[in-house]
Amino acid sequence: MTRPLTLLSPVLPGTSAATVVARLAVLLPKINVALESIGTVHFARLILLDRSKANLRPDLLSILPSDNLVIGIITSFDGDFKTYIHDFVAQLSDEFDALLSLTVGGAALTPVVDHVAEFEAFIGRNNVSEHIPNTYFYAAYEHTVQDILAAI
């Protein structure tokens, strides 16, 4: 059964949107390779929000420091949470370290290969998909990623 993960992490105060965007641009190719390799992720999104904007949409070209940015990681995945996190740590520890270096409290979790239990607990605490009122999740099918790939 597909499960949701919605992790919202405040960006370190004083970081510009342009800095976050530049860091993500470097990380995304490796993240894409890992997503395909792991084979349990239906969908994944990385988003940047600006709490100071009514529509939460940041000015991505802004080089001005901000205290209002939030990085969001939104995924739908198969299997249990612990295996999911461990799969990602095994393949993307450097990328998670880079993302966490941008977030409030992230330094205490790096390097993630040395803090897997803490990293797992952090994501569990901050996965808004697991906390009311955000627990509603609809899945149109019960097939795994591997079932779907085998069928097409």
Protein backbone atom coordinates (compact mmCIF):
# COMPACT_ATOMS: atom_id res chain seq x y z
CA MET A 1 0.00 0.00 0.00
CA THR A 2 1.28 3.45 -0.91
CA ARG A 3 2.16 5.70 2.03
CA PRO A 4 2.66 9.47 2.13
CA LEU A 5 5.54 11.51 3.48
CA THR A 6 5.38 15.29 3.74
CA LEU A 7 8.44 16.72 5.44
CA LEU A 8 8.54 20.48 5.94
CA SER A 9 11.81 21.90 7.25
CA PRO A 10 12.45 25.57 7.97
CA VAL A 11 15.51 26.89 6.15
CA LEU A 12 18.22 28.52 8.26
CA PRO A 13 17.44 32.20 8.82
CA GLY A 14 19.42 34.47 6.53
CA THR A 15 19.50 32.01 3.61
CA SER A 16 18.36 33.28 0.23
CA ALA A 17 15.98 31.44 -2.09
CA ALA A 18 18.68 31.57 -4.77
CA THR A 19 21.06 29.68 -2.47
CA VAL A 20 18.50 26.92 -1.88
CA VAL A 21 17.64 26.68 -5.58
CA ALA A 22 21.32 26.45 -6.54
CA ARG A 23 21.91 23.68 -3.99
CA LEU A 24 18.87 21.72 -5.19
CA ALA A 25 19.98 22.02 -8.81
CA VAL A 26 23.24 20.25 -7.92
CA LEU A 27 21.53 17.53 -5.85
CA LEU A 28 18.59 16.62 -8.09
CA PRO A 29 20.42 14.46 -10.68
CA LYS A 30 21.74 12.10 -7.98
CA ILE A 31 18.37 12.10 -6.22
CA ASN A 32 16.65 11.07 -9.45
CA VAL A 33 19.08 8.17 -9.95
CA ALA A 34 18.48 6.98 -6.38
CA LEU A 35 14.69 7.22 -6.73
CA GLU A 36 14.81 4.97 -9.78
CA SER A 37 17.23 2.55 -8.13
CA ILE A 38 15.33 2.20 -4.86
CA GLY A 39 12.15 1.35 -6.75
CA THR A 40 9.57 2.03 -4.04
CA VAL A 41 8.75 5.69 -4.71
CA HIS A 42 5.64 6.45 -6.74
CA PHE A 43 6.08 10.22 -6.74
CA ALA A 44 8.52 12.68 -5.21
CA ARG A 45 8.58 16.45 -5.04
CA LEU A 46 11.00 18.93 -3.55
CA ILE A 47 9.45 22.33 -3.02
CA LEU A 48 10.52 25.65 -1.60
CA LEU A 49 7.96 27.78 0.23
CA ASP A 50 8.12 31.35 1.53
CA ARG A 51 5.99 31.88 4.64
CA SER A 52 6.05 35.66 4.09
CA LYS A 53 4.08 35.38 0.82
CA ALA A 54 0.31 34.98 0.76
CA ASN A 55 0.63 32.23 -1.88
CA LEU A 56 3.82 30.79 -0.27
CA ARG A 57 5.63 31.12 -3.60
CA PRO A 58 9.21 32.32 -3.17
CA ASP A 59 11.08 34.68 -5.45
CA LEU A 60 13.53 32.08 -6.73
CA LEU A 61 15.98 34.64 -8.05
CA SER A 62 16.18 36.58 -4.82
CA ILE A 63 19.66 36.78 -3.38
CA LEU A 64 18.33 38.65 -0.34
CA PRO A 65 18.52 36.77 2.96
CA SER A 66 15.22 35.41 4.22
CA ASP A 67 13.95 34.10 7.53
CA ASN A 68 10.78 32.66 5.98
CA LEU A 69 11.82 29.81 3.68
CA VAL A 70 10.74 26.20 4.10
CA ILE A 71 11.95 23.16 2.14
CA GLY A 72 9.30 20.53 1.52
CA ILE A 73 9.93 16.91 0.58
CA ILE A 74 6.72 15.21 -0.53
CA THR A 75 6.68 11.57 -1.53
CA SER A 76 4.41 8.56 -1.91
CA PHE A 77 6.19 5.26 -1.30
CA ASP A 78 5.70 1.53 -0.84
CA GLY A 79 6.60 -0.46 2.24
CA ASP A 80 7.41 0.49 5.78
CA PHE A 81 8.83 3.81 6.85
CA LYS A 82 12.01 2.49 8.47
CA THR A 83 13.09 0.55 5.36
CA TYR A 84 12.28 3.57 3.20
CA ILE A 85 14.50 5.86 5.27
CA HIS A 86 17.34 3.34 5.44
CA ASP A 87 17.24 2.86 1.64
CA PHE A 88 17.64 6.59 1.15
CA VAL A 89 20.39 6.97 3.72
CA ALA A 90 22.30 4.15 2.00
CA GLN A 91 22.14 5.88 -1.39
CA LEU A 92 21.80 9.58 -0.63
CA SER A 93 23.59 10.31 2.63
CA ASP A 94 25.72 13.09 1.10
CA GLU A 95 22.66 14.67 -0.51
CA PHE A 96 20.72 14.55 2.76
CA ASP A 97 23.70 16.09 4.53
CA ALA A 98 23.66 18.92 1.96
CA LEU A 99 19.91 19.48 2.37
CA LEU A 100 20.11 19.33 6.15
CA SER A 101 22.93 21.89 6.13
CA LEU A 102 20.30 24.37 4.91
CA THR A 103 17.70 23.60 7.59
CA VAL A 104 17.10 24.55 11.20
CA GLY A 105 18.35 21.70 13.40
CA GLY A 106 19.87 19.86 10.44
CA ALA A 107 23.46 20.07 11.64
CA ALA A 108 22.64 17.82 14.61
CA LEU A 109 21.63 15.06 12.18
CA THR A 110 24.73 15.08 10.00
CA PRO A 111 26.37 13.10 8.80
CA VAL A 112 23.17 11.07 8.48
CA VAL A 113 25.12 7.80 8.11
CA ASP A 114 26.21 8.31 11.72
CA HIS A 115 22.77 9.47 12.90
CA VAL A 116 20.31 7.15 11.15
CA ALA A 117 18.07 6.65 14.21
CA GLU A 118 17.97 10.38 14.90
CA PHE A 119 17.31 11.14 11.23
CA GLU A 120 14.48 8.60 11.16
CA ALA A 121 12.99 10.07 14.36
CA PHE A 122 13.30 13.62 12.97
CA ILE A 123 11.43 12.69 9.80
CA GLY A 124 8.80 10.79 11.79
CA ARG A 125 8.20 13.77 14.09
CA ASN A 126 8.05 16.21 11.20
CA ASN A 127 6.15 14.13 8.66
CA VAL A 128 2.98 16.21 8.65
CA SER A 129 1.21 13.41 6.72
CA GLU A 130 1.27 11.37 9.93
CA HIS A 131 -0.27 14.03 12.17
CA ILE A 132 -3.87 15.20 12.37
CA PRO A 133 -5.36 17.08 10.54
CA ASN A 134 -3.09 16.05 7.63
CA THR A 135 -3.62 12.29 7.70
CA TYR A 136 -6.05 12.06 4.79
CA PHE A 137 -4.39 10.28 1.88
CA TYR A 138 -6.15 8.84 -1.14
CA ALA A 139 -4.53 6.22 -3.37
CA ALA A 140 -6.36 5.21 -6.56
CA TYR A 141 -4.73 1.79 -6.60
CA GLU A 142 -3.07 -0.71 -4.27
CA HIS A 143 -0.26 -1.74 -6.62
CA THR A 144 3.39 -1.24 -5.78
CA VAL A 145 5.83 0.61 -8.02
CA GLN A 146 7.31 -2.72 -9.02
CA ASP A 147 3.85 -4.14 -9.91
CA ILE A 148 3.17 -1.11 -12.11
CA LEU A 149 6.56 -1.19 -13.83
CA ALA A 150 6.19 -4.92 -14.53
CA ALA A 151 2.79 -4.33 -16.11
CA ILE A 152 3.86 -1.61 -18.54
